[in-house]
Amino acid sequence: MSRPPVSPSAPAPSRPVTGRYDTRTDVLSVRFGDAEAVASREVRPGWRVAYDAAGTVAGIEILAASSAPPAIDRELRRLVEAA
């Protein structure tokens, strides 16, 4: 069965989101979909955002996550919405 065409104004199909917190290393990792990350950049100290070949956010990694400021929720929401 084929999918109906998507109009340019239609929202992009959602991608599966997976998260993992490693208690040993205190690293929080969030992945968006299954695309391979080909580049990354540090967006703030200890926060790396990974991008796929299309330039879409493929994942986020937060080092020392347990000591992240309370604003982490707001920042993660912003990054997730941008993904």
PDB file of N, CA and C in Angstrom:
ATOM      1  N   MET A   1       0.843  -1.178   0.000  1.00  0.00           N
ATOM      2  CA  MET A   1       0.000   0.000   0.000  1.00  0.00           C
ATOM      3  C   MET A   1       0.888   1.239   0.000  1.00  0.00           C
ATOM      4  N   SER A   2       0.631   2.174  -0.894  1.00  0.00           N
ATOM      5  CA  SER A   2       1.465   3.372  -0.964  1.00  0.00           C
ATOM      6  C   SER A   2       0.953   4.436  -0.008  1.00  0.00           C
ATOM      7  N   ARG A   3       1.875   5.304   0.367  1.00  0.00           N
ATOM      8  CA  ARG A   3       1.519   6.397   1.270  1.00  0.00           C
ATOM      9  C   ARG A   3       0.973   7.567   0.467  1.00  0.00           C
ATOM     10  N   PRO A   4       0.056   8.332   1.061  1.00  0.00           N
ATOM     11  CA  PRO A   4      -0.445   9.514   0.360  1.00  0.00           C
ATOM     12  C   PRO A   4       0.660  10.565   0.285  1.00  0.00           C
ATOM     13  N   PRO A   5       0.627  11.432  -0.728  1.00  0.00           N
ATOM     14  CA  PRO A   5       1.642  12.476  -0.827  1.00  0.00           C
ATOM     15  C   PRO A   5       1.555  13.418   0.372  1.00  0.00           C
ATOM     16  N   VAL A   6       2.695  13.961   0.745  1.00  0.00           N
ATOM     17  CA  VAL A   6       2.759  14.889   1.875  1.00  0.00           C
ATOM     18  C   VAL A   6       2.873  16.294   1.321  1.00  0.00           C
ATOM     19  N   SER A   7       1.993  17.183   1.777  1.00  0.00           N
ATOM     20  CA  SER A   7       2.058  18.565   1.307  1.00  0.00           C
ATOM     21  C   SER A   7       3.210  19.277   2.009  1.00  0.00           C
ATOM     22  N   PRO A   8       3.769  20.320   1.379  1.00  0.00           N
ATOM     23  CA  PRO A   8       4.895  21.027   1.986  1.00  0.00           C
ATOM     24  C   PRO A   8       4.566  21.622   3.347  1.00  0.00           C
ATOM     25  N   SER A   9       3.310  21.937   3.601  1.00  0.00           N
ATOM     26  CA  SER A   9       2.954  22.540   4.881  1.00  0.00           C
ATOM     27  C   SER A   9       2.639  21.500   5.954  1.00  0.00           C
ATOM     28  N   ALA A  10       2.585  20.241   5.571  1.00  0.00           N
ATOM     29  CA  ALA A  10       2.286  19.186   6.548  1.00  0.00           C
ATOM     30  C   ALA A  10       3.492  18.977   7.457  1.00  0.00           C
ATOM     31  N   PRO A  11       3.242  18.673   8.736  1.00  0.00           N
ATOM     32  CA  PRO A  11       4.369  18.423   9.630  1.00  0.00           C
ATOM     33  C   PRO A  11       5.135  17.181   9.193  1.00  0.00           C
ATOM     34  N   ALA A  12       6.413  17.189   9.466  1.00  0.00           N
ATOM     35  CA  ALA A  12       7.247  16.035   9.120  1.00  0.00           C
ATOM     36  C   ALA A  12       6.809  14.835   9.941  1.00  0.00           C
ATOM     37  N   PRO A  13       6.919  13.634   9.382  1.00  0.00           N
ATOM     38  CA  PRO A  13       6.555  12.451  10.147  1.00  0.00           C
ATOM     39  C   PRO A  13       7.448  12.350  11.382  1.00  0.00           C
ATOM     40  N   SER A  14       6.879  11.890  12.470  1.00  0.00           N
ATOM     41  CA  SER A  14       7.661  11.802  13.699  1.00  0.00           C
ATOM     42  C   SER A  14       8.694  10.687  13.598  1.00  0.00           C
ATOM     43  N   ARG A  15       9.787  10.863  14.313  1.00  0.00           N
ATOM     44  CA  ARG A  15      10.853   9.867  14.339  1.00  0.00           C
ATOM     45  C   ARG A  15      10.877   9.253  15.726  1.00  0.00           C
ATOM     46  N   PRO A  16      11.234   7.990  15.826  1.00  0.00           N
ATOM     47  CA  PRO A  16      11.311   7.386  17.155  1.00  0.00           C
ATOM     48  C   PRO A  16      12.419   8.057  17.964  1.00  0.00           C
ATOM     49  N   VAL A  17      12.136   8.326  19.215  1.00  0.00           N
ATOM     50  CA  VAL A  17      13.105   8.952  20.113  1.00  0.00           C
ATOM     51  C   VAL A  17      13.477   7.937  21.180  1.00  0.00           C
ATOM     52  N   THR A  18      14.766   7.743  21.375  1.00  0.00           N
ATOM     53  CA  THR A  18      15.232   6.843  22.425  1.00  0.00           C
ATOM     54  C   THR A  18      16.209   7.594  23.309  1.00  0.00           C
ATOM     55  N   GLY A  19      16.160   7.293  24.579  1.00  0.00           N
ATOM     56  CA  GLY A  19      17.057   7.935  25.530  1.00  0.00           C
ATOM     57  C   GLY A  19      17.739   6.909  26.403  1.00  0.00           C
ATOM     58  N   ARG A  20      18.922   7.274  26.870  1.00  0.00           N
ATOM     59  CA  ARG A  20      19.677   6.373  27.737  1.00  0.00           C
ATOM     60  C   ARG A  20      20.497   7.215  28.699  1.00  0.00           C
ATOM     61  N   TYR A  21      20.439   6.853  29.975  1.00  0.00           N
ATOM     62  CA  TYR A  21      21.274   7.515  30.972  1.00  0.00           C
ATOM     63  C   TYR A  21      22.225   6.476  31.537  1.00  0.00           C
ATOM     64  N   ASP A  22      23.514   6.746  31.464  1.00  0.00           N
ATOM     65  CA  ASP A  22      24.537   5.842  31.980  1.00  0.00           C
ATOM     66  C   ASP A  22      24.962   6.353  33.354  1.00  0.00           C
ATOM     67  N   THR A  23      24.584   5.624  34.391  1.00  0.00           N
ATOM     68  CA  THR A  23      24.900   6.060  35.758  1.00  0.00           C
ATOM     69  C   THR A  23      26.393   6.010  36.047  1.00  0.00           C
ATOM     70  N   ARG A  24      27.106   5.136  35.371  1.00  0.00           N
ATOM     71  CA  ARG A  24      28.549   5.018  35.610  1.00  0.00           C
ATOM     72  C   ARG A  24      29.302   6.239  35.079  1.00  0.00           C
ATOM     73  N   THR A  25      28.933   6.695  33.884  1.00  0.00           N
ATOM     74  CA  THR A  25      29.634   7.827  33.272  1.00  0.00           C
ATOM     75  C   THR A  25      28.891   9.150  33.428  1.00  0.00           C
ATOM     76  N   ASP A  26      27.649   9.105  33.940  1.00  0.00           N
ATOM     77  CA  ASP A  26      26.808  10.291  34.115  1.00  0.00           C
ATOM     78  C   ASP A  26      26.569  11.006  32.782  1.00  0.00           C
ATOM     79  N   VAL A  27      26.269  10.207  31.749  1.00  0.00           N
ATOM     80  CA  VAL A  27      26.013  10.753  30.412  1.00  0.00           C
ATOM     81  C   VAL A  27      24.579  10.429  30.005  1.00  0.00           C
ATOM     82  N   LEU A  28      23.857  11.449  29.575  1.00  0.00           N
ATOM     83  CA  LEU A  28      22.507  11.288  29.044  1.00  0.00           C
ATOM     84  C   LEU A  28      22.595  11.388  27.527  1.00  0.00           C
ATOM     85  N   SER A  29      22.088  10.373  26.835  1.00  0.00           N
ATOM     86  CA  SER A  29      22.097  10.351  25.368  1.00  0.00           C
ATOM     87  C   SER A  29      20.669  10.239  24.865  1.00  0.00           C
ATOM     88  N   VAL A  30      20.323  11.063  23.904  1.00  0.00           N
ATOM     89  CA  VAL A  30      19.002  11.024  23.275  1.00  0.00           C
ATOM     90  C   VAL A  30      19.225  10.897  21.773  1.00  0.00           C
ATOM     91  N   ARG A  31      18.555   9.917  21.147  1.00  0.00           N
ATOM     92  CA  ARG A  31      18.664   9.693  19.701  1.00  0.00           C
ATOM     93  C   ARG A  31      17.308   9.948  19.052  1.00  0.00           C
ATOM     94  N   PHE A  32      17.342  10.553  17.882  1.00  0.00           N
ATOM     95  CA  PHE A  32      16.135  10.831  17.111  1.00  0.00           C
ATOM     96  C   PHE A  32      16.194  10.013  15.832  1.00  0.00           C
ATOM     97  N   GLY A  33      15.413   8.970  15.761  1.00  0.00           N
ATOM     98  CA  GLY A  33      15.401   8.118  14.581  1.00  0.00           C
ATOM     99  C   GLY A  33      16.622   7.224  14.517  1.00  0.00           C
ATOM    100  N   ASP A  34      16.828   6.631  13.342  1.00  0.00           N
ATOM    101  CA  ASP A  34      17.912   5.666  13.157  1.00  0.00           C
ATOM    102  C   ASP A  34      19.040   6.197  12.280  1.00  0.00           C
ATOM    103  N   ALA A  35      18.970   7.451  11.885  1.00  0.00           N
ATOM    104  CA  ALA A  35      19.992   8.000  10.991  1.00  0.00           C
ATOM    105  C   ALA A  35      21.354   8.035  11.677  1.00  0.00           C
ATOM    106  N   GLU A  36      22.381   7.762  10.891  1.00  0.00           N
ATOM    107  CA  GLU A  36      23.740   7.787  11.412  1.00  0.00           C
ATOM    108  C   GLU A  36      24.213   9.237  11.546  1.00  0.00           C
ATOM    109  N   ALA A  37      24.813   9.547  12.678  1.00  0.00           N
ATOM    110  CA  ALA A  37      25.374  10.877  12.881  1.00  0.00           C
ATOM    111  C   ALA A  37      26.683  10.986  12.110  1.00  0.00           C
ATOM    112  N   VAL A  38      26.822  12.062  11.342  1.00  0.00           N
ATOM    113  CA  VAL A  38      28.041  12.255  10.555  1.00  0.00           C
ATOM    114  C   VAL A  38      28.839  13.471  11.026  1.00  0.00           C
ATOM    115  N   ALA A  39      28.234  14.292  11.864  1.00  0.00           N
ATOM    116  CA  ALA A  39      28.913  15.475  12.389  1.00  0.00           C
ATOM    117  C   ALA A  39      28.294  15.828  13.730  1.00  0.00           C
ATOM    118  N   SER A  40      29.048  16.545  14.545  1.00  0.00           N
ATOM    119  CA  SER A  40      28.503  17.008  15.817  1.00  0.00           C
ATOM    120  C   SER A  40      29.190  18.305  16.203  1.00  0.00           C
ATOM    121  N   ARG A  41      28.553  19.021  17.101  1.00  0.00           N
ATOM    122  CA  ARG A  41      29.176  20.235  17.620  1.00  0.00           C
ATOM    123  C   ARG A  41      28.734  20.445  19.059  1.00  0.00           C
ATOM    124  N   GLU A  42      29.577  21.099  19.818  1.00  0.00           N
ATOM    125  CA  GLU A  42      29.265  21.400  21.207  1.00  0.00           C
ATOM    126  C   GLU A  42      28.465  22.697  21.220  1.00  0.00           C
ATOM    127  N   VAL A  43      27.230  22.636  21.724  1.00  0.00           N
ATOM    128  CA  VAL A  43      26.358  23.807  21.719  1.00  0.00           C
ATOM    129  C   VAL A  43      26.444  24.585  23.024  1.00  0.00           C
ATOM    130  N   ARG A  44      26.963  23.950  24.041  1.00  0.00           N
ATOM    131  CA  ARG A  44      27.282  24.579  25.319  1.00  0.00           C
ATOM    132  C   ARG A  44      28.215  23.610  26.020  1.00  0.00           C
ATOM    133  N   PRO A  45      28.946  24.032  27.016  1.00  0.00           N
ATOM    134  CA  PRO A  45      29.909  23.116  27.650  1.00  0.00           C
ATOM    135  C   PRO A  45      29.250  21.812  28.110  1.00  0.00           C
ATOM    136  N   GLY A  46      29.774  20.692  27.600  1.00  0.00           N
ATOM    137  CA  GLY A  46      29.260  19.379  27.969  1.00  0.00           C
ATOM    138  C   GLY A  46      28.035  18.920  27.204  1.00  0.00           C
ATOM    139  N   TRP A  47      27.546  19.714  26.256  1.00  0.00           N
ATOM    140  CA  TRP A  47      26.368  19.365  25.459  1.00  0.00           C
ATOM    141  C   TRP A  47      26.800  19.255  24.001  1.00  0.00           C
ATOM    142  N   ARG A  48      26.646  18.072  23.423  1.00  0.00           N
ATOM    143  CA  ARG A  48      26.974  17.863  22.014  1.00  0.00           C
ATOM    144  C   ARG A  48      25.702  17.505  21.254  1.00  0.00           C
ATOM    145  N   VAL A  49      25.531  18.117  20.106  1.00  0.00           N
ATOM    146  CA  VAL A  49      24.409  17.807  19.223  1.00  0.00           C
ATOM    147  C   VAL A  49      24.991  17.152  17.979  1.00  0.00           C
ATOM    148  N   ALA A  50      24.444  15.992  17.622  1.00  0.00           N
ATOM    149  CA  ALA A  50      24.900  15.244  16.448  1.00  0.00           C
ATOM    150  C   ALA A  50      23.916  15.459  15.306  1.00  0.00           C
ATOM    151  N   TYR A  51      24.457  15.510  14.094  1.00  0.00           N
ATOM    152  CA  TYR A  51      23.648  15.753  12.898  1.00  0.00           C
ATOM    153  C   TYR A  51      23.826  14.613  11.897  1.00  0.00           C
ATOM    154  N   ASP A  52      22.753  14.303  11.168  1.00  0.00           N
ATOM    155  CA  ASP A  52      22.851  13.282  10.122  1.00  0.00           C
ATOM    156  C   ASP A  52      23.319  13.936   8.821  1.00  0.00           C
ATOM    157  N   ALA A  53      23.403  13.156   7.761  1.00  0.00           N
ATOM    158  CA  ALA A  53      23.911  13.655   6.481  1.00  0.00           C
ATOM    159  C   ALA A  53      23.050  14.774   5.899  1.00  0.00           C
ATOM    160  N   ALA A  54      21.772  14.821   6.270  1.00  0.00           N
ATOM    161  CA  ALA A  54      20.874  15.867   5.776  1.00  0.00           C
ATOM    162  C   ALA A  54      20.939  17.132   6.626  1.00  0.00           C
ATOM    163  N   GLY A  55      21.732  17.106   7.709  1.00  0.00           N
ATOM    164  CA  GLY A  55      21.839  18.264   8.591  1.00  0.00           C
ATOM    165  C   GLY A  55      20.765  18.317   9.657  1.00  0.00           C
ATOM    166  N   THR A  56      20.009  17.240   9.795  1.00  0.00           N
ATOM    167  CA  THR A  56      18.957  17.148  10.804  1.00  0.00           C
ATOM    168  C   THR A  56      19.563  16.646  12.111  1.00  0.00           C
ATOM    169  N   VAL A  57      19.033  17.125  13.231  1.00  0.00           N
ATOM    170  CA  VAL A  57      19.528  16.670  14.529  1.00  0.00           C
ATOM    171  C   VAL A  57      19.269  15.177  14.662  1.00  0.00           C
ATOM    172  N   ALA A  58      20.341  14.420  14.898  1.00  0.00           N
ATOM    173  CA  ALA A  58      20.248  12.966  15.043  1.00  0.00           C
ATOM    174  C   ALA A  58      20.341  12.545  16.500  1.00  0.00           C
ATOM    175  N   GLY A  59      20.903  13.403  17.344  1.00  0.00           N
ATOM    176  CA  GLY A  59      21.037  13.040  18.744  1.00  0.00           C
ATOM    177  C   GLY A  59      21.617  14.164  19.573  1.00  0.00           C
ATOM    178  N   ILE A  60      21.504  13.989  20.887  1.00  0.00           N
ATOM    179  CA  ILE A  60      22.034  14.942  21.859  1.00  0.00           C
ATOM    180  C   ILE A  60      22.736  14.132  22.932  1.00  0.00           C
ATOM    181  N   GLU A  61      23.889  14.600  23.363  1.00  0.00           N
ATOM    182  CA  GLU A  61      24.619  13.941  24.443  1.00  0.00           C
ATOM    183  C   GLU A  61      24.963  14.999  25.485  1.00  0.00           C
ATOM    184  N   ILE A  62      24.636  14.704  26.744  1.00  0.00           N
ATOM    185  CA  ILE A  62      24.914  15.637  27.832  1.00  0.00           C
ATOM    186  C   ILE A  62      25.834  14.953  28.823  1.00  0.00           C
ATOM    187  N   LEU A  63      27.038  15.510  28.968  1.00  0.00           N
ATOM    188  CA  LEU A  63      28.006  14.998  29.930  1.00  0.00           C
ATOM    189  C   LEU A  63      27.692  15.580  31.301  1.00  0.00           C
ATOM    190  N   ALA A  64      28.021  14.848  32.354  1.00  0.00           N
ATOM    191  CA  ALA A  64      27.755  15.280  33.731  1.00  0.00           C
ATOM    192  C   ALA A  64      26.290  15.694  33.874  1.00  0.00           C
ATOM    193  N   ALA A  65      25.405  14.857  33.351  1.00  0.00           N
ATOM    194  CA  ALA A  65      23.977  15.183  33.288  1.00  0.00           C
ATOM    195  C   ALA A  65      23.354  15.404  34.657  1.00  0.00           C
ATOM    196  N   SER A  66      23.815  14.691  35.675  1.00  0.00           N
ATOM    197  CA  SER A  66      23.198  14.843  36.995  1.00  0.00           C
ATOM    198  C   SER A  66      23.513  16.194  37.619  1.00  0.00           C
ATOM    199  N   SER A  67      24.538  16.869  37.135  1.00  0.00           N
ATOM    200  CA  SER A  67      24.867  18.186  37.676  1.00  0.00           C
ATOM    201  C   SER A  67      24.402  19.310  36.760  1.00  0.00           C
ATOM    202  N   ALA A  68      23.633  18.962  35.723  1.00  0.00           N
ATOM    203  CA  ALA A  68      23.122  19.977  34.801  1.00  0.00           C
ATOM    204  C   ALA A  68      22.155  20.891  35.546  1.00  0.00           C
ATOM    205  N   PRO A  69      22.112  22.158  35.173  1.00  0.00           N
ATOM    206  CA  PRO A  69      21.219  23.095  35.862  1.00  0.00           C
ATOM    207  C   PRO A  69      19.754  22.733  35.648  1.00  0.00           C
ATOM    208  N   PRO A  70      18.873  23.237  36.523  1.00  0.00           N
ATOM    209  CA  PRO A  70      17.436  22.947  36.380  1.00  0.00           C
ATOM    210  C   PRO A  70      16.866  23.348  35.023  1.00  0.00           C
ATOM    211  N   ALA A  71      17.504  24.257  34.330  1.00  0.00           N
ATOM    212  CA  ALA A  71      17.013  24.694  33.021  1.00  0.00           C
ATOM    213  C   ALA A  71      17.203  23.626  31.951  1.00  0.00           C
ATOM    214  N   ILE A  72      17.766  22.487  32.315  1.00  0.00           N
ATOM    215  CA  ILE A  72      17.998  21.413  31.342  1.00  0.00           C
ATOM    216  C   ILE A  72      16.694  21.001  30.654  1.00  0.00           C
ATOM    217  N   ASP A  73      15.585  20.975  31.393  1.00  0.00           N
ATOM    218  CA  ASP A  73      14.301  20.606  30.784  1.00  0.00           C
ATOM    219  C   ASP A  73      13.945  21.559  29.653  1.00  0.00           C
ATOM    220  N   ARG A  74      14.083  22.833  29.901  1.00  0.00           N
ATOM    221  CA  ARG A  74      13.746  23.842  28.900  1.00  0.00           C
ATOM    222  C   ARG A  74      14.664  23.719  27.677  1.00  0.00           C
ATOM    223  N   GLU A  75      15.956  23.535  27.915  1.00  0.00           N
ATOM    224  CA  GLU A  75      16.908  23.391  26.815  1.00  0.00           C
ATOM    225  C   GLU A  75      16.629  22.128  25.994  1.00  0.00           C
ATOM    226  N   LEU A  76      16.370  21.014  26.680  1.00  0.00           N
ATOM    227  CA  LEU A  76      16.076  19.768  25.962  1.00  0.00           C
ATOM    228  C   LEU A  76      14.817  19.904  25.125  1.00  0.00           C
ATOM    229  N   ARG A  77      13.794  20.539  25.673  1.00  0.00           N
ATOM    230  CA  ARG A  77      12.560  20.745  24.904  1.00  0.00           C
ATOM    231  C   ARG A  77      12.838  21.538  23.633  1.00  0.00           C
ATOM    232  N   ARG A  78      13.642  22.594  23.759  1.00  0.00           N
ATOM    233  CA  ARG A  78      13.976  23.425  22.606  1.00  0.00           C
ATOM    234  C   ARG A  78      14.720  22.606  21.553  1.00  0.00           C
ATOM    235  N   LEU A  79      15.687  21.798  21.992  1.00  0.00           N
ATOM    236  CA  LEU A  79      16.451  20.980  21.052  1.00  0.00           C
ATOM    237  C   LEU A  79      15.592  19.894  20.415  1.00  0.00           C
ATOM    238  N   VAL A  80      14.701  19.292  21.207  1.00  0.00           N
ATOM    239  CA  VAL A  80      13.815  18.252  20.673  1.00  0.00           C
ATOM    240  C   VAL A  80      12.864  18.856  19.647  1.00  0.00           C
ATOM    241  N   GLU A  81      12.323  20.037  19.936  1.00  0.00           N
ATOM    242  CA  GLU A  81      11.419  20.678  18.981  1.00  0.00           C
ATOM    243  C   GLU A  81      12.146  21.021  17.687  1.00  0.00           C
ATOM    244  N   ALA A  82      13.428  21.363  17.787  1.00  0.00           N
ATOM    245  CA  ALA A  82      14.212  21.682  16.593  1.00  0.00           C
ATOM    246  C   ALA A  82      14.534  20.430  15.789  1.00  0.00           C
ATOM    247  N   ALA A  83      14.524  19.280  16.452  1.00  0.00           N
ATOM    248  CA  ALA A  83      14.832  18.020  15.759  1.00  0.00           C
ATOM    249  C   ALA A  83      13.665  17.669  14.926  1.00  0.00           C
TER     250      ALA A  83
END
